[in-house]
N, C-alpha and C. Protein backbone atom coordinates (compact mmCIF):
# COMPACT_ATOMS: atom_id res chain seq x y z
N UNK A 1 14.55 -6.10 -8.39
CA UNK A 1 14.58 -5.07 -7.60
C UNK A 1 13.38 -4.34 -7.91
N UNK A 2 12.62 -3.52 -7.01
CA UNK A 2 11.23 -2.71 -7.19
C UNK A 2 11.57 -1.46 -7.72
N UNK A 3 10.72 -0.94 -8.60
CA UNK A 3 10.93 0.70 -8.79
C UNK A 3 10.61 1.39 -7.67
N UNK A 4 10.88 2.66 -7.61
CA UNK A 4 10.47 3.54 -6.52
C UNK A 4 9.07 3.71 -6.53
N UNK A 5 8.41 3.73 -7.82
CA UNK A 5 6.88 3.81 -7.80
C UNK A 5 6.14 2.69 -7.23
N UNK A 6 6.70 1.35 -7.62
CA UNK A 6 5.98 0.19 -6.90
C UNK A 6 6.39 0.20 -5.36
N UNK A 7 7.49 0.54 -5.02
CA UNK A 7 7.89 0.61 -3.73
C UNK A 7 6.97 1.45 -2.92
N UNK A 8 6.83 2.67 -3.44
CA UNK A 8 5.96 3.77 -2.79
C UNK A 8 4.45 3.01 -2.72
N UNK A 9 4.02 2.65 -3.68
CA UNK A 9 2.72 2.04 -3.72
C UNK A 9 2.57 0.88 -2.83
N UNK A 10 3.44 -0.07 -2.79
CA UNK A 10 3.39 -1.06 -1.82
C UNK A 10 3.50 -0.46 -0.30
N UNK A 11 4.21 0.56 -0.14
CA UNK A 11 4.17 1.10 1.27
C UNK A 11 2.82 1.61 1.60
N UNK A 12 2.46 2.29 0.65
CA UNK A 12 1.11 2.71 0.95
C UNK A 12 -0.29 1.70 1.22
N UNK A 13 0.04 0.60 0.52
CA UNK A 13 -0.79 -0.58 0.65
C UNK A 13 -0.53 -1.16 2.13
N UNK A 14 0.67 -1.24 2.66
CA UNK A 14 0.75 -1.77 3.85
C UNK A 14 0.19 -1.06 4.79
N UNK A 15 0.38 0.23 4.61
CA UNK A 15 -0.32 1.21 5.55
C UNK A 15 -1.84 1.13 5.60
N UNK A 16 -2.41 0.97 4.45
CA UNK A 16 -4.04 0.79 4.16
C UNK A 16 -4.25 -0.76 4.94
N UNK A 17 -3.58 -1.44 4.81
CA UNK A 17 -3.83 -2.91 5.38
C UNK A 17 -3.86 -2.74 6.98
N UNK A 18 -2.86 -1.99 7.35
CA UNK A 18 -2.76 -1.96 8.95
C UNK A 18 -4.03 -0.94 9.41
N UNK A 19 -4.45 0.11 8.72
CA UNK A 19 -5.63 0.85 8.78
C UNK A 19 -6.84 -0.08 8.95
N UNK A 20 -6.87 -1.21 7.90
CA UNK A 20 -8.04 -1.81 7.85
C UNK A 20 -8.08 -2.75 9.24
N UNK A 21 -7.06 -3.30 9.50
CA UNK A 21 -6.80 -3.99 10.77
C UNK A 21 -7.33 -3.15 11.92
N UNK A 22 -6.87 -1.93 12.11
CA UNK A 22 -7.14 -1.26 13.15
C UNK A 22 -8.88 -1.10 13.13
N UNK A 23 -9.29 -0.75 11.97
CA UNK A 23 -10.86 -0.52 11.79
C UNK A 23 -11.51 -1.74 12.33
N UNK A 24 -11.14 -3.03 11.94
CA UNK A 24 -11.94 -4.01 12.35
C UNK A 24 -11.74 -4.47 13.78
N UNK A 25 -10.51 -4.04 14.35
CA UNK A 25 -10.29 -4.09 15.84
C UNK A 25 -11.34 -3.25 16.41
N UNK A 26 -11.38 -2.07 16.00
CA UNK A 26 -12.51 -1.17 16.69
C UNK A 26 -13.71 -1.69 16.66
N UNK A 27 -14.26 -2.33 15.40
CA UNK A 27 -15.43 -3.17 15.31
C UNK A 27 -15.62 -4.13 16.37
N UNK A 28 -14.62 -4.80 16.37
CA UNK A 28 -14.65 -6.14 17.56
C UNK A 28 -14.93 -5.40 18.85
N UNK A 29 -14.07 -4.22 19.08
CA UNK A 29 -14.17 -3.97 20.49
C UNK A 29 -15.63 -3.31 20.76
N UNK A 30 -16.04 -2.78 19.89
CA UNK A 30 -17.67 -2.27 20.01
C UNK A 30 -18.71 -2.99 20.15
N UNK A 31 -18.52 -4.19 19.39
CA UNK A 31 -19.46 -5.42 19.86
C UNK A 31 -19.22 -6.21 20.85
N UNK A 32 -18.02 -6.33 21.33
CA UNK A 32 -17.91 -7.02 22.39
C UNK A 32 -18.26 -6.28 23.70
N UNK A 33 -18.49 -4.83 23.59
CA UNK A 33 -18.87 -3.86 24.56
C UNK A 33 -20.50 -3.95 24.54
N UNK A 34 -21.04 -4.26 23.31
CA UNK A 34 -22.40 -4.39 23.06
C UNK A 34 -23.13 -5.92 23.46
N UNK A 35 -22.23 -6.65 23.94
CA UNK A 35 -22.57 -8.09 24.30
C UNK A 35 -23.06 -8.99 23.06
N UNK A 36 -22.23 -8.74 22.02
CA UNK A 36 -22.36 -9.55 20.85
C UNK A 36 -21.00 -10.19 20.31
N UNK A 37 -20.67 -11.26 21.23
CA UNK A 37 -19.42 -11.94 21.18
C UNK A 37 -19.12 -12.32 19.70
N UNK A 38 -20.15 -13.16 19.01
CA UNK A 38 -19.92 -13.76 17.65
C UNK A 38 -19.53 -12.82 16.68
N UNK A 39 -20.38 -11.51 16.55
CA UNK A 39 -20.03 -10.51 15.84
C UNK A 39 -18.58 -9.82 16.28
N UNK A 40 -18.24 -9.87 17.37
CA UNK A 40 -16.88 -9.32 17.68
C UNK A 40 -16.08 -10.42 17.29
N UNK A 41 -16.19 -11.53 17.47
CA UNK A 41 -15.37 -12.58 16.84
C UNK A 41 -15.04 -12.53 15.30
N UNK A 42 -15.90 -12.31 14.50
CA UNK A 42 -16.08 -12.13 13.11
C UNK A 42 -15.05 -11.01 12.85
N UNK A 43 -15.15 -9.91 13.52
CA UNK A 43 -14.30 -8.79 13.27
C UNK A 43 -12.85 -8.89 13.75
N UNK A 44 -12.86 -9.59 14.81
CA UNK A 44 -11.25 -9.96 15.37
C UNK A 44 -10.60 -10.72 14.17
N UNK A 45 -11.47 -11.78 13.79
CA UNK A 45 -10.68 -12.57 12.63
C UNK A 45 -10.30 -11.72 11.58
N UNK A 46 -11.21 -10.60 11.07
CA UNK A 46 -10.89 -9.76 9.91
C UNK A 46 -9.50 -8.95 10.41
N UNK A 47 -9.48 -8.62 11.56
CA UNK A 47 -8.17 -7.85 12.28
C UNK A 47 -6.97 -8.77 11.78
N UNK A 48 -7.21 -9.88 12.26
CA UNK A 48 -5.89 -10.88 12.15
C UNK A 48 -5.78 -10.95 10.48
N UNK A 49 -6.80 -11.16 9.70
CA UNK A 49 -6.48 -11.31 8.29
C UNK A 49 -5.86 -10.06 7.60
N UNK A 50 -6.15 -8.85 8.16
CA UNK A 50 -5.57 -7.49 7.39
C UNK A 50 -4.25 -7.40 8.09
N UNK A 51 -3.86 -7.86 9.49
CA UNK A 51 -2.52 -7.93 9.80
C UNK A 51 -1.70 -8.83 8.75
N UNK A 52 -2.15 -10.04 8.68
CA UNK A 52 -1.52 -10.96 7.78
C UNK A 52 -1.19 -10.22 6.36
N UNK A 53 -2.29 -9.59 5.82
CA UNK A 53 -2.06 -9.06 4.38
C UNK A 53 -1.01 -8.11 4.46
N UNK A 54 -0.83 -7.32 5.60
CA UNK A 54 0.33 -6.48 5.64
C UNK A 54 1.62 -7.27 5.55
N UNK A 55 1.46 -8.15 6.31
CA UNK A 55 2.78 -9.09 6.62
C UNK A 55 3.12 -9.55 5.12
N UNK A 56 2.15 -10.07 4.48
CA UNK A 56 2.61 -10.81 2.92
C UNK A 56 3.09 -9.63 2.23
N UNK A 57 2.61 -8.39 2.14
CA UNK A 57 3.34 -7.20 1.55
C UNK A 57 4.75 -6.96 2.15
N UNK A 58 4.97 -6.90 3.22
CA UNK A 58 6.15 -6.48 3.95
C UNK A 58 7.32 -7.76 3.57
N UNK A 59 6.71 -9.27 3.56
CA UNK A 59 7.66 -10.08 3.16
C UNK A 59 8.15 -10.16 1.68
N UNK A 60 6.98 -9.76 0.95
CA UNK A 60 7.37 -9.49 -0.49
C UNK A 60 8.29 -8.21 -0.79
N UNK A 61 8.12 -7.15 -0.24
CA UNK A 61 8.84 -6.29 -0.31
C UNK A 61 10.44 -6.49 -0.05
N UNK A 62 10.54 -7.18 1.12
CA UNK A 62 11.91 -7.56 1.62
C UNK A 62 12.52 -8.56 0.59
N UNK A 63 11.74 -9.41 0.15
CA UNK A 63 12.29 -10.30 -0.76
C UNK A 63 12.75 -9.99 -2.14
N UNK A 64 12.03 -8.65 -2.52
CA UNK A 64 12.36 -8.06 -3.70
C UNK A 64 13.37 -6.93 -3.63
N UNK A 65 14.25 -6.83 -2.29
CA UNK A 65 15.09 -5.74 -2.05
C UNK A 65 14.58 -4.28 -1.84
N UNK A 66 13.19 -4.36 -1.43
CA UNK A 66 12.52 -3.08 -1.22
C UNK A 66 12.66 -2.69 0.19
N UNK A 67 12.31 -1.46 0.60
CA UNK A 67 12.49 -0.89 1.91
C UNK A 67 11.08 -0.56 2.60
N UNK A 68 10.72 -1.35 3.53
CA UNK A 68 9.26 -1.22 4.16
C UNK A 68 9.43 0.06 5.00
N UNK A 69 8.62 1.09 4.75
CA UNK A 69 8.43 2.30 5.51
C UNK A 69 6.94 2.26 6.19
N UNK A 70 7.07 2.10 7.50
CA UNK A 70 5.73 2.12 8.12
C UNK A 70 5.44 3.48 8.67
N UNK A 71 4.36 4.00 8.49
CA UNK A 71 3.80 5.51 8.54
C UNK A 71 2.85 5.28 9.66
N UNK A 72 2.37 6.58 10.32
CA UNK A 72 1.36 6.43 11.24
C UNK A 72 -0.06 6.07 10.70
N UNK A 73 -0.76 5.42 11.45
CA UNK A 73 -2.17 4.80 11.12
C UNK A 73 -3.00 6.00 11.40
N UNK A 74 -3.97 6.36 10.59
CA UNK A 74 -4.93 7.54 10.88
C UNK A 74 -6.14 6.82 11.72
N UNK A 75 -6.88 7.76 12.40
CA UNK A 75 -7.81 7.47 13.46
C UNK A 75 -8.95 6.62 12.53
N UNK A 76 -9.61 5.71 13.24
CA UNK A 76 -10.78 4.91 12.77
C UNK A 76 -11.84 5.34 13.48
N UNK A 77 -13.16 5.21 12.86
CA UNK A 77 -14.43 5.28 13.77
C UNK A 77 -14.40 4.32 14.98
N UNK A 78 -14.83 4.54 15.97
CA UNK A 78 -15.12 3.84 17.32
C UNK A 78 -16.46 3.08 17.54
N UNK A 79 -17.38 3.57 16.85
CA UNK A 79 -18.87 3.01 17.44
C UNK A 79 -19.76 2.84 16.26
N UNK A 80 -20.52 1.79 16.38
CA UNK A 80 -21.49 1.48 15.34
C UNK A 80 -22.87 1.18 16.21
N UNK A 81 -23.92 1.71 15.72
CA UNK A 81 -25.11 1.42 16.62
C UNK A 81 -25.50 0.17 16.41
N UNK A 82 -25.55 -0.42 15.19
CA UNK A 82 -26.22 -1.80 14.87
C UNK A 82 -25.32 -2.67 14.09
N UNK A 83 -25.30 -4.02 14.07
CA UNK A 83 -24.38 -4.54 13.27
C UNK A 83 -24.26 -4.30 11.88
N UNK A 84 -25.60 -4.25 11.23
CA UNK A 84 -25.90 -3.74 9.85
C UNK A 84 -24.97 -2.82 9.56
N UNK A 85 -25.01 -1.62 10.33
CA UNK A 85 -24.21 -0.52 10.05
C UNK A 85 -22.77 -0.90 9.80
N UNK A 86 -22.21 -1.58 10.68
CA UNK A 86 -20.73 -2.04 10.71
C UNK A 86 -20.50 -2.88 9.41
N UNK A 87 -21.54 -3.63 9.01
CA UNK A 87 -21.22 -4.50 7.84
C UNK A 87 -21.32 -3.74 6.49
N UNK A 88 -22.18 -2.66 6.59
CA UNK A 88 -22.30 -1.72 5.46
C UNK A 88 -21.11 -0.99 5.19
N UNK A 89 -20.47 -0.57 6.48
CA UNK A 89 -19.23 0.01 6.37
C UNK A 89 -18.07 -0.88 5.90
N UNK A 90 -18.11 -2.00 6.29
CA UNK A 90 -17.29 -3.19 5.95
C UNK A 90 -17.31 -3.27 4.37
N UNK A 91 -18.51 -3.37 3.83
CA UNK A 91 -18.54 -3.40 2.51
C UNK A 91 -17.94 -2.29 1.60
N UNK A 92 -18.30 -1.20 2.04
CA UNK A 92 -17.74 0.05 1.47
C UNK A 92 -16.30 0.04 1.63
N UNK A 93 -15.78 -0.46 2.72
CA UNK A 93 -14.21 -0.34 3.05
C UNK A 93 -13.67 -1.40 1.95
N UNK A 94 -14.11 -2.57 2.06
CA UNK A 94 -13.66 -3.56 1.15
C UNK A 94 -13.70 -3.04 -0.41
N UNK A 95 -14.74 -2.60 -0.79
CA UNK A 95 -14.67 -2.04 -2.14
C UNK A 95 -13.64 -0.87 -2.35
N UNK A 96 -13.24 -0.25 -1.40
CA UNK A 96 -12.18 0.84 -1.34
C UNK A 96 -10.81 0.07 -1.46
N UNK A 97 -10.66 -1.08 -0.76
CA UNK A 97 -9.35 -1.77 -0.86
C UNK A 97 -9.35 -2.30 -2.21
N UNK A 98 -10.31 -2.83 -2.71
CA UNK A 98 -10.35 -3.43 -3.87
C UNK A 98 -9.82 -2.27 -5.00
N UNK A 99 -10.34 -1.21 -4.80
CA UNK A 99 -9.68 -0.05 -5.77
C UNK A 99 -8.37 0.23 -5.50
N UNK A 100 -7.91 -0.01 -4.43
CA UNK A 100 -6.64 0.23 -4.02
C UNK A 100 -5.60 -0.92 -4.59
N UNK A 101 -6.14 -2.00 -4.53
CA UNK A 101 -5.42 -3.15 -4.98
C UNK A 101 -5.28 -3.30 -6.54
N UNK A 102 -6.59 -2.91 -7.34
CA UNK A 102 -6.51 -2.59 -8.71
C UNK A 102 -5.44 -1.64 -9.18
N UNK A 103 -5.52 -0.45 -8.53
CA UNK A 103 -4.37 0.73 -8.78
C UNK A 103 -2.91 0.27 -8.74
N UNK A 104 -2.79 -0.48 -7.53
CA UNK A 104 -1.48 -0.90 -7.23
C UNK A 104 -1.02 -1.82 -8.46
N UNK A 105 -2.13 -2.91 -8.91
CA UNK A 105 -1.82 -3.69 -10.12
C UNK A 105 -1.38 -2.71 -11.32
N UNK A 106 -2.29 -1.68 -11.60
CA UNK A 106 -1.89 -1.02 -12.69
C UNK A 106 -0.64 -0.36 -12.64
N UNK A 107 -0.17 0.17 -11.47
CA UNK A 107 1.16 0.69 -11.33
C UNK A 107 2.24 -0.50 -11.60
N UNK A 108 2.20 -1.55 -11.25
CA UNK A 108 3.16 -2.55 -11.33
C UNK A 108 3.17 -3.11 -12.87
N UNK A 109 2.03 -3.00 -13.43
CA UNK A 109 1.79 -3.40 -14.89
C UNK A 109 2.55 -2.25 -15.77
N UNK A 110 2.38 -1.10 -15.31
CA UNK A 110 2.88 0.05 -16.23
C UNK A 110 4.38 0.02 -15.96
N UNK A 111 5.01 -0.37 -14.90
CA UNK A 111 6.38 -0.53 -14.45
C UNK A 111 6.81 -1.77 -14.99
N UNK A 112 6.03 -2.87 -15.64
CA UNK A 112 6.46 -4.01 -16.27
C UNK A 112 7.14 -4.82 -15.15
N UNK A 113 6.63 -4.70 -13.83
CA UNK A 113 6.89 -5.55 -12.95
C UNK A 113 6.14 -6.61 -12.63
N UNK A 114 6.28 -7.73 -13.44
CA UNK A 114 5.34 -8.86 -13.57
C UNK A 114 5.28 -9.78 -12.44
N UNK A 115 6.59 -9.78 -11.54
CA UNK A 115 6.42 -10.53 -10.21
C UNK A 115 5.73 -9.99 -9.26
N UNK A 116 5.45 -8.64 -9.33
CA UNK A 116 4.47 -7.69 -8.40
C UNK A 116 3.16 -8.28 -8.90
N UNK A 117 2.95 -8.09 -10.12
CA UNK A 117 1.52 -8.39 -10.72
C UNK A 117 1.19 -9.81 -10.43
N UNK A 118 2.03 -10.86 -10.17
CA UNK A 118 1.73 -12.04 -10.01
C UNK A 118 1.31 -12.23 -8.43
N UNK A 119 2.07 -11.61 -7.54
CA UNK A 119 1.88 -11.48 -5.94
C UNK A 119 0.24 -10.77 -5.82
N UNK A 120 -0.02 -9.81 -6.78
CA UNK A 120 -1.22 -9.06 -6.69
C UNK A 120 -2.27 -9.78 -7.10
N UNK A 121 -2.00 -10.86 -7.85
CA UNK A 121 -3.36 -11.69 -8.11
C UNK A 121 -3.84 -12.56 -7.01
N UNK A 122 -3.06 -12.88 -6.13
CA UNK A 122 -3.77 -13.33 -4.93
C UNK A 122 -4.71 -12.43 -4.08
N UNK A 123 -4.05 -11.12 -4.20
CA UNK A 123 -5.12 -10.24 -3.46
C UNK A 123 -6.32 -9.88 -4.37
N UNK A 124 -6.02 -9.72 -5.62
CA UNK A 124 -7.43 -9.64 -6.37
C UNK A 124 -8.40 -10.61 -5.90
N UNK A 125 -7.89 -12.03 -6.04
CA UNK A 125 -9.03 -12.90 -5.77
C UNK A 125 -9.45 -12.79 -4.25
N UNK A 126 -8.76 -12.55 -3.33
CA UNK A 126 -9.02 -12.26 -1.98
C UNK A 126 -9.91 -11.08 -1.78
N UNK A 127 -9.81 -10.04 -2.54
CA UNK A 127 -10.87 -9.06 -2.43
C UNK A 127 -12.33 -9.43 -3.04
N UNK A 128 -12.43 -10.17 -3.78
CA UNK A 128 -13.65 -10.76 -4.51
C UNK A 128 -14.16 -11.47 -3.16
N UNK A 129 -13.55 -12.16 -2.46
CA UNK A 129 -14.22 -12.99 -1.45
C UNK A 129 -14.56 -12.05 -0.34
N UNK A 130 -13.78 -11.03 -0.10
CA UNK A 130 -13.96 -10.07 0.87
C UNK A 130 -15.29 -9.53 0.82
N UNK A 131 -15.45 -8.85 -0.45
CA UNK A 131 -16.78 -8.11 -0.91
C UNK A 131 -17.91 -9.23 -0.59
N UNK A 132 -17.81 -10.47 -1.23
CA UNK A 132 -18.79 -11.29 -1.18
C UNK A 132 -19.22 -11.52 0.59
N UNK A 133 -18.25 -11.79 1.19
CA UNK A 133 -18.55 -12.26 2.34
C UNK A 133 -19.47 -10.99 3.37
N UNK A 134 -18.75 -9.75 3.00
CA UNK A 134 -19.77 -8.79 3.50
C UNK A 134 -20.91 -8.48 3.24
N UNK A 135 -21.10 -8.88 1.94
CA UNK A 135 -22.48 -8.57 1.26
C UNK A 135 -23.50 -9.78 1.69
N UNK A 136 -22.89 -10.96 1.82
CA UNK A 136 -23.60 -11.91 2.39
C UNK A 136 -24.24 -11.72 3.78
N UNK A 137 -23.28 -11.05 4.63
CA UNK A 137 -23.62 -10.83 6.11
C UNK A 137 -24.61 -9.68 6.19
N UNK A 138 -24.55 -8.79 5.06
CA UNK A 138 -25.64 -7.60 4.88
C UNK A 138 -26.77 -8.27 4.82
N UNK A 139 -26.90 -8.95 3.74
CA UNK A 139 -28.19 -9.78 3.38
C UNK A 139 -28.87 -10.34 4.50
N UNK A 140 -27.93 -11.18 5.32
CA UNK A 140 -28.61 -11.84 6.54
C UNK A 140 -29.07 -10.96 7.55
N UNK A 141 -28.43 -9.80 7.97
CA UNK A 141 -28.74 -8.90 8.73
C UNK A 141 -30.15 -8.29 8.36
N UNK A 142 -30.24 -7.98 7.02
CA UNK A 142 -31.35 -7.18 6.50
C UNK A 142 -32.56 -8.24 6.76
N UNK A 143 -32.29 -9.53 6.57
CA UNK A 143 -33.40 -10.46 6.56
C UNK A 143 -33.80 -10.67 8.05
N UNK A 144 -32.95 -10.63 8.72
CA UNK A 144 -33.32 -10.60 10.30
C UNK A 144 -34.01 -9.40 10.82
N UNK A 145 -33.66 -8.07 10.43
CA UNK A 145 -34.12 -7.06 10.84
C UNK A 145 -34.07 -6.83 12.14
N UNK A 146 -35.22 -6.62 13.14
CA UNK A 146 -35.07 -6.13 14.53
C UNK A 146 -35.44 -7.67 15.18
N UNK A 147 -35.41 -8.81 14.68
CA UNK A 147 -35.85 -9.99 15.14
C UNK A 147 -34.65 -10.55 16.21
N UNK A 148 -34.85 -10.47 17.53
CA UNK A 148 -33.88 -10.75 18.59
C UNK A 148 -33.24 -12.30 18.38
N UNK A 149 -34.28 -13.06 18.08
CA UNK A 149 -33.96 -14.60 18.06
C UNK A 149 -32.88 -14.82 16.97
N UNK A 150 -33.23 -14.08 15.63
CA UNK A 150 -32.34 -14.17 14.63
C UNK A 150 -30.95 -13.57 14.81
N UNK A 151 -31.12 -12.40 15.38
CA UNK A 151 -29.69 -11.90 15.73
C UNK A 151 -28.98 -12.79 16.55
N UNK A 152 -29.51 -13.38 17.69
CA UNK A 152 -28.99 -14.42 18.62
C UNK A 152 -28.10 -15.60 17.76
N UNK A 153 -29.12 -16.06 16.71
CA UNK A 153 -28.67 -17.16 16.22
C UNK A 153 -27.52 -16.91 15.19
N UNK A 154 -27.44 -15.67 14.42
CA UNK A 154 -26.41 -15.16 13.65
C UNK A 154 -25.26 -14.86 14.38
N UNK A 155 -25.31 -14.36 15.72
CA UNK A 155 -24.32 -14.16 16.46
C UNK A 155 -23.42 -15.28 16.84
N UNK A 156 -24.23 -16.42 17.13
CA UNK A 156 -23.68 -17.72 17.27
C UNK A 156 -22.93 -18.42 16.14
N UNK A 157 -23.78 -18.03 15.01
CA UNK A 157 -22.93 -18.56 13.87
C UNK A 157 -21.58 -18.00 13.78
N UNK A 158 -21.52 -16.64 13.82
CA UNK A 158 -20.33 -15.95 13.74
C UNK A 158 -19.26 -16.19 14.62
N UNK A 159 -19.60 -16.56 15.91
CA UNK A 159 -18.72 -16.98 16.86
C UNK A 159 -17.91 -18.23 16.63
N UNK A 160 -18.37 -18.93 15.56
CA UNK A 160 -17.71 -20.19 15.08
C UNK A 160 -16.46 -20.04 14.26
N UNK A 161 -16.56 -18.82 13.54
CA UNK A 161 -15.51 -18.29 12.55
C UNK A 161 -14.08 -18.55 13.11
N UNK A 162 -13.14 -19.06 12.58
CA UNK A 162 -11.83 -19.26 13.05
C UNK A 162 -10.76 -18.76 11.98
N UNK A 163 -9.70 -18.30 12.35
CA UNK A 163 -8.65 -17.62 11.66
C UNK A 163 -7.98 -18.75 11.01
N UNK A 164 -7.72 -18.38 9.63
CA UNK A 164 -6.78 -19.44 8.74
C UNK A 164 -5.74 -18.62 8.15
N UNK A 165 -4.66 -19.00 8.46
CA UNK A 165 -3.51 -18.46 7.75
C UNK A 165 -3.39 -18.40 6.12
N UNK A 166 -3.44 -17.21 5.80
CA UNK A 166 -3.52 -17.17 4.22
C UNK A 166 -2.11 -17.84 3.75
N UNK A 167 -2.48 -18.54 2.39
CA UNK A 167 -1.48 -19.12 1.84
C UNK A 167 -0.19 -18.52 1.67
N UNK A 168 -0.10 -17.38 1.28
CA UNK A 168 1.24 -16.93 1.11
C UNK A 168 2.10 -16.70 2.42
N UNK A 169 1.58 -16.90 3.59
CA UNK A 169 2.21 -16.81 4.79
C UNK A 169 2.42 -18.33 5.27
N UNK A 170 1.45 -19.25 4.85
CA UNK A 170 1.56 -20.58 5.21
C UNK A 170 2.85 -21.25 4.75
N UNK A 171 3.50 -20.82 3.48
CA UNK A 171 4.59 -21.24 2.93
C UNK A 171 5.76 -20.88 3.59
N UNK A 172 5.86 -19.85 4.49
CA UNK A 172 6.93 -19.16 4.95
C UNK A 172 7.32 -20.16 6.29
């Protein structure tokens, strides 16, 4: 059984994951409208991943006898002038999510809720990947600068990205 502290923190994280999904969907829509379908695809995949993260937390809460409480999702930004701006926002956002996951881990640890700590280990590792991926794309966009052909080629590369079901959901 989950303590009320852990349950409240997990519910807050579920809301944060849905906010993240909404943010990435807004980014995908922005770049679709700007004629950059590959960049839009990258953000649509992020949208799907964040929804999956929320589902992992909801499945976990239900398995542990908790109660999922869905709350309203706050408004997200709607426009980005350049892809670099969006990826800079992505990195900053993923760093914030990393802090949220670390805080959630600390709460679970303080409550001696070791099964929750174990589940959170997957998210800790996932956040390392999320930050690294955003930083790599920032580096690529900086290297390209205003080079139209470089932007075209990176857009094509990002169009090839496909969604992979996260391992905690694949087992369900």
